[in-house]
Amino acid sequence: MLDKLEAIKGRFDEVNQELMTPDVMSDMKRFSKLNKEYKELNKIVVKYEEYKNVLDNIDSARELLAVEKDPDFREMAKAELDDLSVKQEALEIEIKDLLIPTDPNDSKNVILEIRAGAGGDEASIFAGDIYRMYSRYAEQQGWRMELIDYTDGTAGGYKEIILNVSGEDVYGKMKYESGVHRVQRVPATETAGRIHTSAASVAVLPEMEDVEVDLNMNDIRKDTFCSSGPGGQSVNTTYSAIRLTHIPTGTVVQCQDEKSQIKNFDKALKVLRSRIYEIELAKHNAEVGAQRKSMVGSGDRSDKIRTYNYPQSRVTDHRIGYTVYNLPGVMDGNIGEFIEELRVADNAEKLKEGATA
């Protein structure tokens, strides 16, 4: 591990020098990329310097014990050695965690898609509850949520709602939310008081830049239509809504949230680019099936990942068997506990894989 840390320190010094050169400072794209690498490496280097200092102090304490005859000094050296050994162990755990390769998409914004599944009107109502849960969580994180498209449920909630979520480390936290969310409760539409099970699916797609996903505009059919729903005078009178069809894959995206056709087109293109990326990534993963498929990774949207049981006020994540009995708090956006537990479990798998590789 020390050799790896020393190599990282060397790269950190190189990046630091590059950032101060006039060529890099005048190239914002390159400067931004190097600055991001500098910040990531700096976290490791700070811990490495602290780790080296602890190792040096351990050596000094051991040398003192080897030559010191005074009982009081020996007792002090032993106590210091015990404390340093605890610090060494804690730092090694932190450093191993930092050395786990990060997903390059973790810092990206996301396209968040929530759709009602099995359960009729109750599924749409639950999809609305899930949307509210993520809205509250986004507020806690200081993120911005921007509506792209939606279809109202007939009894409330949404049949489908698509949003852009922007901020710091959005995909890194939200990627664990992809999959099927299941609810068990007495629906508002139920007159006999029976508990029903309904579901909503969540897809979290990293927002891709045009340089990362090569879309041929000749492969995209653009249709315009009148917006529907609330929105003022432009609704049903101007062709501001956009529908994009990616002909090679049959992927269809639409946006009608903005009054401007250009803004709707830009939003729809973001969603299309992210969906095409997801399709290509799925193909790649299928081709290299021997690669690790994490139990708690980005998640397949068809996998049942979490159950929200209202009668027992219980929320259970099935991937890690983690349960909390605070359903109102969870539905009010307090999902950070789940995300942290999933992150820890994911990192543990990566460490285990690294140890057996």
Protein backbone atom coordinates (compact mmCIF):
# COMPACT_ATOMS: atom_id res chain seq x y z
CA MET A 1 0.00 0.00 0.00
CA LEU A 2 2.87 2.37 0.75
CA ASP A 3 4.22 2.03 -2.81
CA LYS A 4 0.80 2.86 -4.22
CA LEU A 5 0.49 5.87 -1.92
CA GLU A 6 3.95 7.11 -2.89
CA ALA A 7 3.00 6.85 -6.58
CA ILE A 8 -0.17 8.85 -5.89
CA LYS A 9 1.90 11.48 -4.08
CA GLY A 10 4.16 11.69 -7.13
CA ARG A 11 1.19 12.18 -9.45
CA PHE A 12 -0.24 14.79 -7.07
CA ASP A 13 3.00 16.79 -7.28
CA GLU A 14 2.96 16.54 -11.09
CA VAL A 15 -0.62 17.81 -11.29
CA ASN A 16 0.20 20.65 -8.89
CA GLN A 17 3.06 21.76 -11.14
CA GLU A 18 0.94 21.49 -14.30
CA LEU A 19 -1.79 23.65 -12.80
CA MET A 20 0.69 26.51 -12.41
CA THR A 21 1.87 26.47 -16.03
CA PRO A 22 0.59 29.24 -18.36
CA ASP A 23 -0.53 26.71 -21.02
CA VAL A 24 -2.87 24.93 -18.62
CA MET A 25 -4.15 28.14 -17.02
CA SER A 26 -5.20 29.44 -20.44
CA ASP A 27 -7.02 26.19 -21.34
CA MET A 28 -10.12 26.13 -19.12
CA LYS A 29 -11.19 22.63 -20.13
CA ARG A 30 -7.78 21.14 -19.27
CA PHE A 31 -7.48 23.29 -16.15
CA SER A 32 -10.87 22.11 -14.91
CA LYS A 33 -9.96 18.46 -15.51
CA LEU A 34 -6.60 18.77 -13.72
CA ASN A 35 -8.14 20.76 -10.86
CA LYS A 36 -10.69 18.01 -10.32
CA GLU A 37 -7.88 15.39 -10.26
CA TYR A 38 -5.90 17.58 -7.84
CA LYS A 39 -8.81 17.71 -5.38
CA GLU A 40 -9.35 13.95 -5.55
CA LEU A 41 -5.64 13.17 -5.06
CA ASN A 42 -5.31 15.76 -2.30
CA LYS A 43 -7.75 13.82 -0.08
CA ILE A 44 -5.50 10.75 -0.31
CA VAL A 45 -2.22 12.68 0.06
CA VAL A 46 -3.40 14.43 3.25
CA LYS A 47 -4.23 11.06 4.84
CA TYR A 48 -0.95 9.58 3.54
CA GLU A 49 1.09 12.35 5.21
CA GLU A 50 -0.82 11.77 8.45
CA TYR A 51 -0.24 8.01 8.11
CA LYS A 52 3.52 8.47 7.55
CA ASN A 53 3.72 10.70 10.62
CA VAL A 54 2.02 8.00 12.74
CA LEU A 55 4.40 5.32 11.40
CA ASP A 56 7.41 7.53 12.23
CA ASN A 57 6.12 8.08 15.76
CA ILE A 58 5.56 4.32 16.18
CA ASP A 59 9.18 3.68 15.18
CA SER A 60 10.36 6.34 17.65
CA ALA A 61 8.28 4.84 20.49
CA ARG A 62 9.66 1.37 19.77
CA GLU A 63 13.25 2.65 19.70
CA LEU A 64 12.66 4.36 23.06
CA LEU A 65 11.32 1.13 24.56
CA ALA A 66 14.38 -0.76 23.28
CA VAL A 67 16.88 1.48 25.11
CA GLU A 68 14.98 3.18 27.93
CA LYS A 69 15.43 1.72 31.45
CA ASP A 70 13.34 4.19 33.49
CA PRO A 71 9.96 2.53 34.33
CA ASP A 72 7.98 5.77 34.06
CA PHE A 73 9.37 6.61 30.64
CA ARG A 74 8.76 3.02 29.48
CA GLU A 75 5.14 3.22 30.68
CA MET A 76 4.64 6.48 28.79
CA ALA A 77 6.16 5.00 25.64
CA LYS A 78 3.91 1.91 25.86
CA ALA A 79 0.80 4.08 26.30
CA GLU A 80 1.80 6.23 23.32
CA LEU A 81 2.47 3.11 21.23
CA ASP A 82 -0.99 1.77 22.04
CA ASP A 83 -2.61 5.05 21.00
CA LEU A 84 -0.57 5.22 17.80
CA SER A 85 -1.46 1.63 16.88
CA VAL A 86 -5.17 2.51 17.14
CA LYS A 87 -4.60 5.60 14.94
CA GLN A 88 -2.64 3.49 12.43
CA GLU A 89 -5.48 0.99 12.11
CA ALA A 90 -8.11 3.72 11.71
CA LEU A 91 -6.04 5.54 9.06
CA GLU A 92 -5.47 2.32 7.11
CA ILE A 93 -9.24 1.79 6.93
CA GLU A 94 -9.76 5.39 5.75
CA ILE A 95 -6.99 5.15 3.16
CA LYS A 96 -8.26 1.83 1.78
CA ASP A 97 -11.67 3.45 1.39
CA LEU A 98 -10.12 6.41 -0.46
CA LEU A 99 -8.13 4.08 -2.74
CA ILE A 100 -11.28 2.37 -4.04
CA PRO A 101 -11.68 3.50 -7.67
CA THR A 102 -14.49 6.03 -7.93
CA ASP A 103 -17.17 5.92 -10.57
CA PRO A 104 -16.26 8.68 -13.06
CA ASN A 105 -19.97 9.54 -13.25
CA ASP A 106 -20.32 10.19 -9.49
CA SER A 107 -19.87 13.95 -9.84
CA LYS A 108 -22.44 14.25 -12.64
CA ASN A 109 -25.94 15.64 -12.48
CA VAL A 110 -28.73 13.14 -13.12
CA ILE A 111 -31.91 12.56 -15.08
CA LEU A 112 -34.39 11.17 -12.55
CA GLU A 113 -37.32 9.19 -13.94
CA ILE A 114 -40.16 7.98 -11.68
CA ARG A 115 -42.94 5.82 -13.15
CA ALA A 116 -46.03 4.22 -11.66
CA GLY A 117 -45.92 0.43 -11.87
CA ALA A 118 -48.37 -2.27 -10.86
CA GLY A 119 -51.24 -1.05 -8.70
CA GLY A 120 -53.38 1.28 -10.83
CA ASP A 121 -54.27 4.65 -9.29
CA GLU A 122 -52.50 3.78 -6.04
CA ALA A 123 -49.23 3.24 -7.95
CA SER A 124 -49.52 6.77 -9.40
CA ILE A 125 -50.17 8.20 -5.93
CA PHE A 126 -47.11 6.34 -4.62
CA ALA A 127 -45.00 7.65 -7.53
CA GLY A 128 -46.02 11.13 -6.37
CA ASP A 129 -44.94 10.25 -2.81
CA ILE A 130 -41.55 9.04 -4.10
CA TYR A 131 -41.16 12.29 -6.06
CA ARG A 132 -41.88 14.29 -2.88
CA MET A 133 -39.37 12.15 -0.93
CA TYR A 134 -36.60 12.91 -3.44
CA SER A 135 -37.59 16.60 -3.58
CA ARG A 136 -37.11 16.89 0.17
CA TYR A 137 -33.81 14.99 0.02
CA ALA A 138 -32.60 17.29 -2.78
CA GLU A 139 -33.47 20.32 -0.61
CA GLN A 140 -31.41 18.87 2.24
CA GLN A 141 -28.44 18.39 -0.11
CA GLY A 142 -28.74 21.86 -1.63
CA TRP A 143 -29.47 20.40 -5.07
CA ARG A 144 -31.68 21.91 -7.76
CA MET A 145 -34.56 19.94 -9.30
CA GLU A 146 -35.88 20.98 -12.70
CA LEU A 147 -39.00 19.48 -14.25
CA ILE A 148 -38.64 18.01 -17.75
CA ASP A 149 -41.91 16.17 -18.36
CA TYR A 150 -44.78 14.56 -16.46
CA THR A 151 -48.11 12.77 -16.84
CA ASP A 152 -50.60 13.18 -14.02
CA GLY A 153 -52.27 10.17 -12.40
CA THR A 154 -56.06 10.07 -12.67
CA ALA A 155 -56.50 10.01 -8.87
CA GLY A 156 -53.42 12.04 -7.94
CA GLY A 157 -49.66 11.60 -8.13
CA TYR A 158 -47.98 10.83 -11.44
CA LYS A 159 -48.05 8.11 -14.04
CA GLU A 160 -44.60 9.41 -14.97
CA ILE A 161 -42.40 12.31 -13.97
CA ILE A 162 -38.94 13.13 -15.34
CA LEU A 163 -36.59 15.65 -13.73
CA ASN A 164 -33.08 17.01 -13.99
CA VAL A 165 -31.26 17.08 -10.63
CA SER A 166 -28.11 19.20 -10.45
CA GLY A 167 -25.62 19.85 -7.68
CA GLU A 168 -22.60 18.31 -6.00
CA ASP A 169 -22.07 14.52 -6.18
CA VAL A 170 -25.67 13.92 -7.29
CA TYR A 171 -25.13 10.67 -9.21
CA GLY A 172 -22.68 9.43 -6.56
CA LYS A 173 -25.53 9.43 -4.03
CA MET A 174 -28.63 8.90 -6.14
CA LYS A 175 -27.32 5.97 -8.22
CA TYR A 176 -28.34 3.53 -5.48
CA GLU A 177 -32.00 4.50 -5.92
CA SER A 178 -32.51 2.85 -9.33
CA GLY A 179 -34.97 -0.03 -9.21
CA VAL A 180 -38.50 -0.92 -8.13
CA HIS A 181 -39.85 0.66 -4.95
CA ARG A 182 -42.78 -1.24 -3.41
CA VAL A 183 -45.44 0.14 -1.05
CA GLN A 184 -47.77 -1.78 1.26
CA ARG A 185 -50.68 0.25 2.66
CA VAL A 186 -54.43 0.84 2.55
CA PRO A 187 -54.91 3.01 -0.54
CA ALA A 188 -56.93 6.21 -0.41
CA THR A 189 -59.04 4.64 -3.17
CA GLU A 190 -59.80 1.50 -1.07
CA THR A 191 -63.18 1.46 0.69
CA ALA A 192 -62.91 -1.92 2.46
CA GLY A 193 -59.71 -1.06 4.37
CA ARG A 194 -57.59 -3.79 2.78
CA ILE A 195 -53.82 -3.47 2.48
CA HIS A 196 -52.64 -3.34 -1.14
CA THR A 197 -49.18 -3.72 -2.64
CA SER A 198 -48.23 -1.28 -5.40
CA ALA A 199 -44.99 -0.26 -7.02
CA ALA A 200 -43.14 2.57 -8.72
CA SER A 201 -39.93 2.28 -10.72
CA VAL A 202 -37.06 4.73 -10.41
CA ALA A 203 -34.30 5.23 -12.97
CA VAL A 204 -31.29 7.42 -12.17
CA LEU A 205 -29.27 8.25 -15.29
CA PRO A 206 -26.04 10.27 -15.26
CA GLU A 207 -26.42 13.39 -17.36
CA MET A 208 -24.01 13.01 -20.27
CA GLU A 209 -22.29 15.77 -22.21
CA ASP A 210 -22.39 15.87 -25.99
CA VAL A 211 -18.68 15.05 -26.12
CA GLU A 212 -19.30 11.83 -24.14
CA VAL A 213 -22.21 10.48 -26.17
CA ASP A 214 -21.95 10.90 -29.93
CA LEU A 215 -25.49 11.47 -31.20
CA ASN A 216 -25.96 11.80 -34.94
CA MET A 217 -28.70 14.40 -35.40
CA ASN A 218 -29.63 12.70 -38.69
CA ASP A 219 -30.75 9.71 -36.58
CA ILE A 220 -33.17 11.85 -34.55
CA ARG A 221 -36.70 12.72 -35.66
CA LYS A 222 -38.05 15.92 -34.14
CA ASP A 223 -41.81 16.46 -33.73
CA THR A 224 -43.54 19.47 -32.22
CA PHE A 225 -46.96 19.59 -30.58
CA CYS A 226 -49.06 21.80 -28.29
CA SER A 227 -48.32 21.62 -24.57
CA SER A 228 -51.05 20.24 -22.31
CA GLY A 229 -51.87 20.89 -18.66
CA PRO A 230 -51.42 24.09 -16.61
CA GLY A 231 -49.13 26.78 -17.98
CA GLY A 232 -50.99 29.86 -19.16
CA GLN A 233 -51.72 31.25 -22.58
CA SER A 234 -49.14 29.24 -24.52
CA VAL A 235 -50.76 25.91 -23.57
CA ASN A 236 -52.69 24.30 -26.44
CA THR A 237 -51.99 27.33 -28.67
CA THR A 238 -48.30 27.15 -29.61
CA TYR A 239 -46.24 24.20 -30.80
CA SER A 240 -43.62 24.55 -28.07
CA ALA A 241 -43.59 20.93 -26.85
CA ILE A 242 -40.92 18.66 -28.34
CA ARG A 243 -40.82 14.93 -29.02
CA LEU A 244 -37.51 13.37 -30.09
CA THR A 245 -37.27 9.86 -31.54
CA HIS A 246 -33.89 8.15 -31.82
CA ILE A 247 -34.55 6.03 -34.92
CA PRO A 248 -31.79 3.36 -34.47
CA THR A 249 -32.97 2.43 -30.94
CA GLY A 250 -36.60 3.54 -31.05
CA THR A 251 -36.06 5.64 -27.91
CA VAL A 252 -38.66 8.41 -27.55
CA VAL A 253 -38.30 11.47 -25.31
CA GLN A 254 -40.56 14.47 -24.95
CA CYS A 255 -40.53 17.75 -23.04
CA GLN A 256 -43.30 20.31 -22.68
CA ASP A 257 -42.39 22.08 -19.46
CA GLU A 258 -40.98 25.25 -21.00
CA LYS A 259 -42.83 27.83 -23.12
CA SER A 260 -39.80 28.00 -25.41
CA GLN A 261 -39.43 25.30 -28.06
CA ILE A 262 -35.64 25.72 -27.96
CA LYS A 263 -35.50 25.15 -24.17
CA ASN A 264 -37.75 22.10 -24.46
CA PHE A 265 -35.51 20.74 -27.23
CA ASP A 266 -32.38 21.20 -25.08
CA LYS A 267 -34.01 19.43 -22.11
CA ALA A 268 -35.29 16.56 -24.26
CA LEU A 269 -31.85 16.15 -25.85
CA LYS A 270 -30.26 15.82 -22.38
CA VAL A 271 -32.65 13.00 -21.50
CA LEU A 272 -32.13 11.28 -24.86
CA ARG A 273 -28.36 11.46 -24.51
CA SER A 274 -28.52 9.90 -21.02
CA ARG A 275 -30.86 7.11 -22.17
CA ILE A 276 -28.63 6.26 -25.13
CA TYR A 277 -25.67 6.12 -22.75
CA GLU A 278 -27.60 3.71 -20.52
CA ILE A 279 -28.37 1.48 -23.53
CA GLU A 280 -24.71 1.44 -24.63
CA LEU A 281 -23.55 0.77 -21.05
CA ALA A 282 -25.96 -2.19 -20.77
CA LYS A 283 -24.54 -3.63 -24.01
CA HIS A 284 -20.99 -3.18 -22.75
CA ASN A 285 -21.76 -4.86 -19.42
CA ALA A 286 -23.41 -7.77 -21.22
CA GLU A 287 -20.31 -8.24 -23.38
CA VAL A 288 -17.99 -8.27 -20.36
CA GLY A 289 -20.28 -10.32 -18.13
CA ALA A 290 -17.32 -11.63 -16.13
CA GLN A 291 -16.97 -8.22 -14.54
CA ARG A 292 -18.22 -7.70 -11.00
CA LYS A 293 -21.95 -7.03 -10.82
CA SER A 294 -22.39 -5.34 -7.49
CA MET A 295 -25.35 -6.27 -5.33
CA VAL A 296 -25.78 -2.60 -4.47
CA GLY A 297 -24.37 -0.89 -7.54
CA SER A 298 -26.28 1.42 -9.85
CA GLY A 299 -29.13 -1.07 -9.88
CA ASP A 300 -31.33 -2.57 -12.53
CA ARG A 301 -34.63 -0.76 -12.88
CA SER A 302 -36.45 -4.14 -12.85
CA ASP A 303 -35.03 -5.21 -9.47
CA LYS A 304 -37.19 -4.79 -6.35
CA ILE A 305 -34.92 -2.81 -4.07
CA ARG A 306 -37.03 -1.35 -1.24
CA THR A 307 -40.38 -1.86 0.52
CA TYR A 308 -42.30 0.89 2.32
CA ASN A 309 -44.70 -0.77 4.79
CA TYR A 310 -47.14 1.81 6.19
CA PRO A 311 -48.99 -0.33 8.80
CA GLN A 312 -45.68 -1.16 10.53
CA SER A 313 -43.98 2.20 9.72
CA ARG A 314 -41.17 0.05 8.27
CA VAL A 315 -38.82 0.65 5.35
CA THR A 316 -36.57 -2.23 4.24
CA ASP A 317 -33.81 -2.20 1.63
CA HIS A 318 -33.68 -5.76 0.29
CA ARG A 319 -30.18 -5.52 -1.19
CA ILE A 320 -28.49 -5.21 2.20
CA GLY A 321 -31.32 -6.28 4.52
CA TYR A 322 -31.33 -2.87 6.19
CA THR A 323 -34.55 -1.80 7.97
CA VAL A 324 -35.65 1.36 9.76
CA TYR A 325 -38.93 1.94 11.63
CA ASN A 326 -39.35 5.59 10.73
CA LEU A 327 -41.42 5.60 7.56
CA PRO A 328 -42.75 9.20 7.98
CA GLY A 329 -39.17 10.47 8.28
CA VAL A 330 -38.04 8.52 5.22
CA MET A 331 -40.96 9.77 3.13
CA ASP A 332 -40.02 13.30 4.26
CA GLY A 333 -36.65 12.92 2.54
CA ASN A 334 -34.50 11.38 5.28
CA ILE A 335 -32.97 8.69 3.06
CA GLY A 336 -29.31 9.57 3.71
CA GLU A 337 -29.00 6.66 6.16
CA PHE A 338 -29.94 4.17 3.43
CA ILE A 339 -27.60 5.76 0.90
CA GLU A 340 -24.66 5.68 3.34
CA GLU A 341 -25.29 2.01 4.24
CA LEU A 342 -25.47 1.11 0.54
CA ARG A 343 -22.27 3.04 -0.17
CA VAL A 344 -20.45 1.22 2.65
CA ALA A 345 -21.72 -2.18 1.42
CA ASP A 346 -20.69 -1.34 -2.15
CA ASN A 347 -17.20 -0.30 -1.05
CA ALA A 348 -16.87 -3.47 1.05
CA GLU A 349 -17.58 -5.54 -2.05
CA LYS A 350 -15.00 -3.60 -4.04
CA LEU A 351 -12.40 -4.08 -1.28
CA LYS A 352 -13.15 -7.79 -1.14
CA GLU A 353 -12.80 -8.04 -4.90
CA GLY A 354 -9.51 -6.15 -4.77
CA ALA A 355 -8.18 -8.50 -2.08
CA THR A 356 -9.01 -11.62 -4.11
CA ALA A 357 -7.95 -10.26 -7.50
